[in-house]
C-alpha atoms as a PDB file:
ATOM      1  CA  MET A   1      -8.045 -93.568 -86.491  1.00  0.00           C
ATOM      2  CA  THR A   2     -10.206 -90.294 -85.555  1.00  0.00           C
ATOM      3  CA  ILE A   3     -10.639 -86.848 -87.422  1.00  0.00           C
ATOM      4  CA  LEU A   4     -10.816 -84.328 -84.590  1.00  0.00           C
ATOM      5  CA  VAL A   5     -13.165 -81.193 -86.199  1.00  0.00           C
ATOM      6  CA  GLY A   6     -13.177 -77.603 -84.800  1.00  0.00           C
ATOM      7  CA  TYR A   7     -16.721 -76.572 -85.329  1.00  0.00           C
ATOM      8  CA  THR A   8     -18.781 -73.272 -84.542  1.00  0.00           C
ATOM      9  CA  GLY A   9     -21.930 -73.254 -86.623  1.00  0.00           C
ATOM     10  CA  SER A  10     -20.047 -70.808 -89.047  1.00  0.00           C
ATOM     11  CA  ASN A  11     -19.886 -71.267 -92.628  1.00  0.00           C
ATOM     12  CA  GLU A  12     -15.978 -71.904 -92.401  1.00  0.00           C
ATOM     13  CA  SER A  13     -16.999 -74.636 -90.075  1.00  0.00           C
ATOM     14  CA  LYS A  14     -19.414 -75.882 -92.132  1.00  0.00           C
ATOM     15  CA  ALA A  15     -16.807 -76.153 -95.162  1.00  0.00           C
ATOM     16  CA  ALA A  16     -14.142 -77.840 -92.819  1.00  0.00           C
ATOM     17  CA  LEU A  17     -16.880 -80.121 -91.364  1.00  0.00           C
ATOM     18  CA  ALA A  18     -17.888 -81.179 -95.185  1.00  0.00           C
ATOM     19  CA  GLU A  19     -14.210 -81.532 -95.601  1.00  0.00           C
ATOM     20  CA  ALA A  20     -13.800 -83.567 -92.942  1.00  0.00           C
ATOM     21  CA  ILE A  21     -16.214 -85.698 -93.935  1.00  0.00           C
ATOM     22  CA  ARG A  22     -14.900 -86.431 -97.691  1.00  0.00           C
ATOM     23  CA  VAL A  23     -11.586 -87.379 -95.908  1.00  0.00           C
ATOM     24  CA  ALA A  24     -13.156 -89.545 -93.318  1.00  0.00           C
ATOM     25  CA  ARG A  25     -14.774 -91.226 -95.740  1.00  0.00           C
ATOM     26  CA  ILE A  26     -11.643 -91.934 -98.024  1.00  0.00           C
ATOM     27  CA  ALA A  27      -9.632 -92.751 -95.234  1.00  0.00           C
ATOM     28  CA  HIS A  28     -12.081 -95.184 -93.082  1.00  0.00           C
ATOM     29  CA  GLU A  29     -11.783 -92.840 -90.420  1.00  0.00           C
ATOM     30  CA  ASP A  30     -14.229 -91.883 -87.264  1.00  0.00           C
ATOM     31  CA  LEU A  31     -15.178 -87.989 -86.433  1.00  0.00           C
ATOM     32  CA  LEU A  32     -14.824 -86.202 -83.461  1.00  0.00           C
ATOM     33  CA  VAL A  33     -16.863 -82.871 -83.812  1.00  0.00           C
ATOM     34  CA  VAL A  34     -15.948 -80.904 -80.865  1.00  0.00           C
ATOM     35  CA  ASN A  35     -16.965 -77.120 -80.189  1.00  0.00           C
ATOM     36  CA  ALA A  36     -14.966 -75.440 -77.662  1.00  0.00           C
ATOM     37  CA  VAL A  37     -16.007 -71.839 -76.220  1.00  0.00           C
ATOM     38  CA  PRO A  38     -14.594 -69.658 -73.339  1.00  0.00           C
ATOM     39  CA  GLY A  39     -18.398 -70.269 -71.572  1.00  0.00           C
ATOM     40  CA  GLY A  40     -18.457 -68.513 -68.290  1.00  0.00           C
ATOM     41  CA  GLU A  41     -21.355 -66.383 -67.247  1.00  0.00           C
ATOM     42  CA  HIS A  42     -22.282 -65.181 -71.121  1.00  0.00           C
ATOM     43  CA  LYS A  43     -22.968 -67.358 -74.134  1.00  0.00           C
ATOM     44  CA  HIS A  44     -20.294 -67.026 -76.592  1.00  0.00           C
ATOM     45  CA  GLU A  45     -21.505 -66.377 -80.237  1.00  0.00           C
ATOM     46  CA  ALA A  46     -19.313 -69.650 -81.159  1.00  0.00           C
ATOM     47  CA  MET A  47     -21.625 -71.940 -78.963  1.00  0.00           C
ATOM     48  CA  VAL A  48     -23.347 -74.602 -81.045  1.00  0.00           C
ATOM     49  CA  THR A  49     -27.098 -73.763 -80.081  1.00  0.00           C
ATOM     50  CA  GLU A  50     -29.689 -76.899 -79.347  1.00  0.00           C
ATOM     51  CA  VAL A  51     -30.911 -76.314 -83.086  1.00  0.00           C
ATOM     52  CA  GLY A  52     -27.507 -76.010 -84.381  1.00  0.00           C
ATOM     53  CA  GLN A  53     -26.634 -79.453 -82.393  1.00  0.00           C
ATOM     54  CA  VAL A  54     -29.781 -81.213 -83.902  1.00  0.00           C
ATOM     55  CA  GLU A  55     -29.008 -79.877 -87.309  1.00  0.00           C
ATOM     56  CA  LEU A  56     -25.215 -81.119 -86.773  1.00  0.00           C
ATOM     57  CA  GLN A  57     -26.169 -84.489 -85.905  1.00  0.00           C
ATOM     58  CA  GLY A  58     -28.748 -85.160 -88.842  1.00  0.00           C
ATOM     59  CA  ILE A  59     -25.672 -84.315 -91.166  1.00  0.00           C
ATOM     60  CA  LEU A  60     -23.114 -86.657 -88.635  1.00  0.00           C
ATOM     61  CA  ASP A  61     -25.906 -89.595 -89.272  1.00  0.00           C
ATOM     62  CA  ALA A  62     -26.403 -89.097 -92.800  1.00  0.00           C
ATOM     63  CA  SER A  63     -22.327 -89.215 -93.544  1.00  0.00           C
ATOM     64  CA  GLY A  64     -22.799 -92.950 -92.629  1.00  0.00           C
ATOM     65  CA  LEU A  65     -19.289 -92.400 -90.592  1.00  0.00           C
ATOM     66  CA  ARG A  66     -18.536 -93.038 -86.357  1.00  0.00           C
ATOM     67  CA  ALA A  67     -19.004 -89.649 -85.506  1.00  0.00           C
ATOM     68  CA  GLU A  68     -19.305 -87.897 -82.103  1.00  0.00           C
ATOM     69  CA  PHE A  69     -19.888 -84.668 -80.700  1.00  0.00           C
ATOM     70  CA  ARG A  70     -18.612 -82.748 -77.626  1.00  0.00           C
ATOM     71  CA  GLN A  71     -19.328 -79.382 -76.584  1.00  0.00           C
ATOM     72  CA  TYR A  72     -16.921 -77.569 -73.758  1.00  0.00           C
ATOM     73  CA  ALA A  73     -17.503 -74.447 -72.241  1.00  0.00           C
ATOM     74  CA  ARG A  74     -15.593 -74.518 -68.764  1.00  0.00           C
ATOM     75  CA  GLY A  75     -13.998 -71.031 -68.912  1.00  0.00           C
ATOM     76  CA  ARG A  76     -10.963 -71.845 -70.694  1.00  0.00           C
ATOM     77  CA  SER A  77      -9.678 -70.963 -74.237  1.00  0.00           C
ATOM     78  CA  THR A  78     -11.033 -72.542 -77.489  1.00  0.00           C
ATOM     79  CA  VAL A  79      -7.043 -73.329 -78.412  1.00  0.00           C
ATOM     80  CA  ASP A  80      -6.201 -74.964 -74.624  1.00  0.00           C
ATOM     81  CA  GLU A  81      -9.317 -76.990 -75.083  1.00  0.00           C
ATOM     82  CA  ILE A  82      -8.893 -78.332 -78.673  1.00  0.00           C
ATOM     83  CA  LYS A  83      -4.887 -78.703 -77.716  1.00  0.00           C
ATOM     84  CA  ASP A  84      -6.126 -80.967 -74.707  1.00  0.00           C
ATOM     85  CA  LEU A  85      -8.698 -82.937 -76.788  1.00  0.00           C
ATOM     86  CA  ALA A  86      -5.971 -83.675 -79.647  1.00  0.00           C
ATOM     87  CA  THR A  87      -3.505 -84.814 -76.663  1.00  0.00           C
ATOM     88  CA  GLU A  88      -6.193 -87.041 -75.520  1.00  0.00           C
ATOM     89  CA  VAL A  89      -7.326 -88.613 -78.728  1.00  0.00           C
ATOM     90  CA  GLN A  90      -4.027 -88.157 -80.978  1.00  0.00           C
ATOM     91  CA  PRO A  91      -6.104 -87.703 -83.989  1.00  0.00           C
ATOM     92  CA  SER A  92      -4.728 -88.378 -87.429  1.00  0.00           C
ATOM     93  CA  LEU A  93      -5.970 -84.883 -88.509  1.00  0.00           C
ATOM     94  CA  VAL A  94      -7.635 -81.621 -87.043  1.00  0.00           C
ATOM     95  CA  VAL A  95      -9.816 -79.814 -89.710  1.00  0.00           C
ATOM     96  CA  ILE A  96     -10.990 -76.518 -88.700  1.00  0.00           C
ATOM     97  CA  GLY A  97     -12.458 -73.503 -90.571  1.00  0.00           C
ATOM     98  CA  MET A  98     -10.613 -70.320 -91.687  1.00  0.00           C
ATOM     99  CA  ARG A  99     -11.693 -66.977 -92.177  1.00  0.00           C
ATOM    100  CA  ARG A 100     -10.430 -64.942 -95.193  1.00  0.00           C
ATOM    101  CA  ARG A 101      -8.892 -61.709 -92.868  1.00  0.00           C
ATOM    102  CA  GLY A 102      -5.766 -59.586 -93.879  1.00  0.00           C
ATOM    103  CA  THR A 103      -2.630 -59.627 -91.912  1.00  0.00           C
ATOM    104  CA  PHE A 104      -4.090 -56.678 -89.661  1.00  0.00           C
ATOM    105  CA  GLY A 105      -7.432 -58.398 -88.913  1.00  0.00           C
ATOM    106  CA  ARG A 106      -5.626 -61.240 -87.698  1.00  0.00           C
ATOM    107  CA  VAL A 107      -3.249 -59.252 -85.603  1.00  0.00           C
ATOM    108  CA  LEU A 108      -6.048 -57.131 -84.085  1.00  0.00           C
ATOM    109  CA  MET A 109      -8.418 -60.178 -83.338  1.00  0.00           C
ATOM    110  CA  GLY A 110      -6.087 -62.674 -83.052  1.00  0.00           C
ATOM    111  CA  SER A 111      -6.732 -66.191 -84.699  1.00  0.00           C
ATOM    112  CA  VAL A 112      -8.044 -69.386 -82.922  1.00  0.00           C
ATOM    113  CA  ALA A 113      -6.902 -71.210 -86.676  1.00  0.00           C
ATOM    114  CA  ASP A 114      -3.524 -69.070 -86.230  1.00  0.00           C
ATOM    115  CA  ALA A 115      -2.671 -70.469 -82.598  1.00  0.00           C
ATOM    116  CA  LEU A 116      -4.031 -74.096 -83.408  1.00  0.00           C
ATOM    117  CA  LEU A 117      -1.347 -74.038 -86.218  1.00  0.00           C
ATOM    118  CA  GLN A 118       1.152 -72.914 -84.086  1.00  0.00           C
ATOM    119  CA  GLU A 119       0.441 -75.127 -80.967  1.00  0.00           C
ATOM    120  CA  LEU A 120      -0.880 -78.460 -81.999  1.00  0.00           C
ATOM    121  CA  ASP A 121       1.390 -81.503 -82.993  1.00  0.00           C
ATOM    122  CA  GLN A 122      -0.862 -82.934 -85.201  1.00  0.00           C
ATOM    123  CA  PRO A 123      -1.270 -82.554 -88.991  1.00  0.00           C
ATOM    124  CA  VAL A 124      -3.874 -79.519 -89.280  1.00  0.00           C
ATOM    125  CA  LEU A 125      -6.017 -78.869 -91.810  1.00  0.00           C
ATOM    126  CA  CYS A 126      -7.716 -75.101 -92.628  1.00  0.00           C
ATOM    127  CA  VAL A 127     -10.338 -74.794 -94.755  1.00  0.00           C
ATOM    128  CA  LYS A 128     -11.993 -71.821 -96.210  1.00  0.00           C
ATOM    129  CA  GLU A 129     -15.659 -71.490 -97.167  1.00  0.00           C
ATOM    130  CA  SER A 130     -15.417 -71.075-101.200  1.00  0.00           C
ATOM    131  CA  PRO A 131     -17.298 -67.921-102.348  1.00  0.00           C
ATOM    132  CA  ASP A 132     -18.101 -70.437-105.610  1.00  0.00           C
ATOM    133  CA  ARG A 133     -19.953 -73.098-103.478  1.00  0.00           C
ATOM    134  CA  PRO A 134     -21.741 -72.533-100.195  1.00  0.00           C
ATOM    135  CA  ALA A 135     -20.353 -74.215 -97.136  1.00  0.00           C
ATOM    136  CA  GLY A 136     -22.331 -77.303 -95.651  1.00  0.00           C
ATOM    137  CA  VAL A 137     -22.788 -80.784 -96.810  1.00  0.00           C
ATOM    138  CA  HIS A 138     -24.909 -80.778 -99.934  1.00  0.00           C
ATOM    139  CA  ARG A 139     -27.746 -83.325 -99.479  1.00  0.00           C
ATOM    140  CA  ASP A 140     -28.851 -83.267-103.057  1.00  0.00           C
ATOM    141  CA  GLU A 141     -25.825 -84.839-104.414  1.00  0.00           C
ATOM    142  CA  LEU A 142     -25.382 -88.295-104.622  1.00  0.00           C
ATOM    143  CA  PRO A 143     -22.533 -89.503-102.695  1.00  0.00           C
ATOM    144  CA  GLN A 144     -19.149 -90.911-104.671  1.00  0.00           C
ATOM    145  CA  ASP A 145     -17.541 -93.889-103.425  1.00  0.00           C
ATOM    146  CA  VAL A 146     -14.032 -92.839-104.542  1.00  0.00           C
ATOM    147  CA  THR A 147     -13.089 -96.222-102.960  1.00  0.00           C
ATOM    148  CA  ALA A 148     -14.505 -97.912-105.977  1.00  0.00           C
ATOM    149  CA  ALA A 149     -12.490 -96.580-108.831  1.00  0.00           C
ATOM    150  CA  ASP A 150     -12.664 -98.403-112.195  1.00  0.00           C
ATOM    151  CA  GLU A 151     -10.116-100.620-112.770  1.00  0.00           C
ATOM    152  CA  PRO A 152      -6.789 -99.590-114.469  1.00  0.00           C
ATOM    153  CA  LYS A 153      -6.813-100.098-118.372  1.00  0.00           C
ATOM    154  CA  ASP A 154      -3.853-102.039-119.889  1.00  0.00           C
ATOM    155  CA  LEU A 155      -1.010 -99.641-120.797  1.00  0.00           C
ATOM    156  CA  PRO A 156       0.862-100.448-123.651  1.00  0.00           C
ATOM    157  CA  GLY A 157       4.196-102.325-123.547  1.00  0.00           C
ATOM    158  CA  PRO A 158       7.469-101.284-124.759  1.00  0.00           C
ATOM    159  CA  PRO A 159       7.914-101.247-128.663  1.00  0.00           C
ATOM    160  CA  PRO A 160       8.891-104.292-130.544  1.00  0.00           C
ATOM    161  CA  VAL A 161      12.420-104.885-131.146  1.00  0.00           C
ATOM    162  CA  PRO A 162      13.208-105.488-134.444  1.00  0.00           C
ATOM    163  CA  GLU A 163      14.687-109.195-135.426  1.00  0.00           C
ATOM    164  CA  GLU A 164      18.102-109.613-136.382  1.00  0.00           C
ATOM    165  CA  GLY A 165      18.971-109.522-139.899  1.00  0.00           C
ATOM    166  CA  ALA A 166      15.466-107.773-140.531  1.00  0.00           C
ATOM    167  CA  GLY A 167      16.777-104.320-140.631  1.00  0.00           C
ATOM    168  CA  ALA A 168      18.550-104.208-137.260  1.00  0.00           C
ATOM    169  CA  GLY A 169      21.452-102.124-137.274  1.00  0.00           C
ATOM    170  CA  ARG A 170      21.402-101.120-140.879  1.00  0.00           C
ATOM    171  CA  ALA A 171      21.408 -97.597-141.668  1.00  0.00           C
ATOM    172  CA  HIS A 172      18.900 -96.073-144.013  1.00  0.00           C
ATOM    173  CA  ARG A 173      19.970 -93.323-146.328  1.00  0.00           C
ATOM    174  CA  ARG A 174      17.377 -91.119-148.108  1.00  0.00           C
ATOM    175  CA  ARG A 175      17.574 -90.547-151.635  1.00  0.00           C
END
């Protein structure tokens, strides 16, 4: 199956991509990374530039996963593009970045993340950038193979049952 990732190049979407890569490795799934902006006559700030695409492709190549990047700027809303793509692809999971905003900010500005949570039929994982750890895939960290866990250790069995006549059924009194 496939994990669909909404990507804009922001710190939040880089955190979402890093989490999607982690989940895809565990689940042995492919990645489909999409940058969907309204497009039209004006360039949108969320549109991934050519330089950003080269950086993203390097991250995808380094992930070791089967991954594809698609970019849409066809005059449609981001929500409609991702919703239609999710209907087409039927991903097991949709991963998106989410900004830390208050209720007033979400109401005033609107939120693609909120709309996707309401509109998509697939499970949606919202990822916030951690203030303790910068977003993105950290190339200096060694990859961890979470599928190669240590063998479980033998668990102790039930306590031994005393033999008949060896104190079984006798009450001991303290003096």
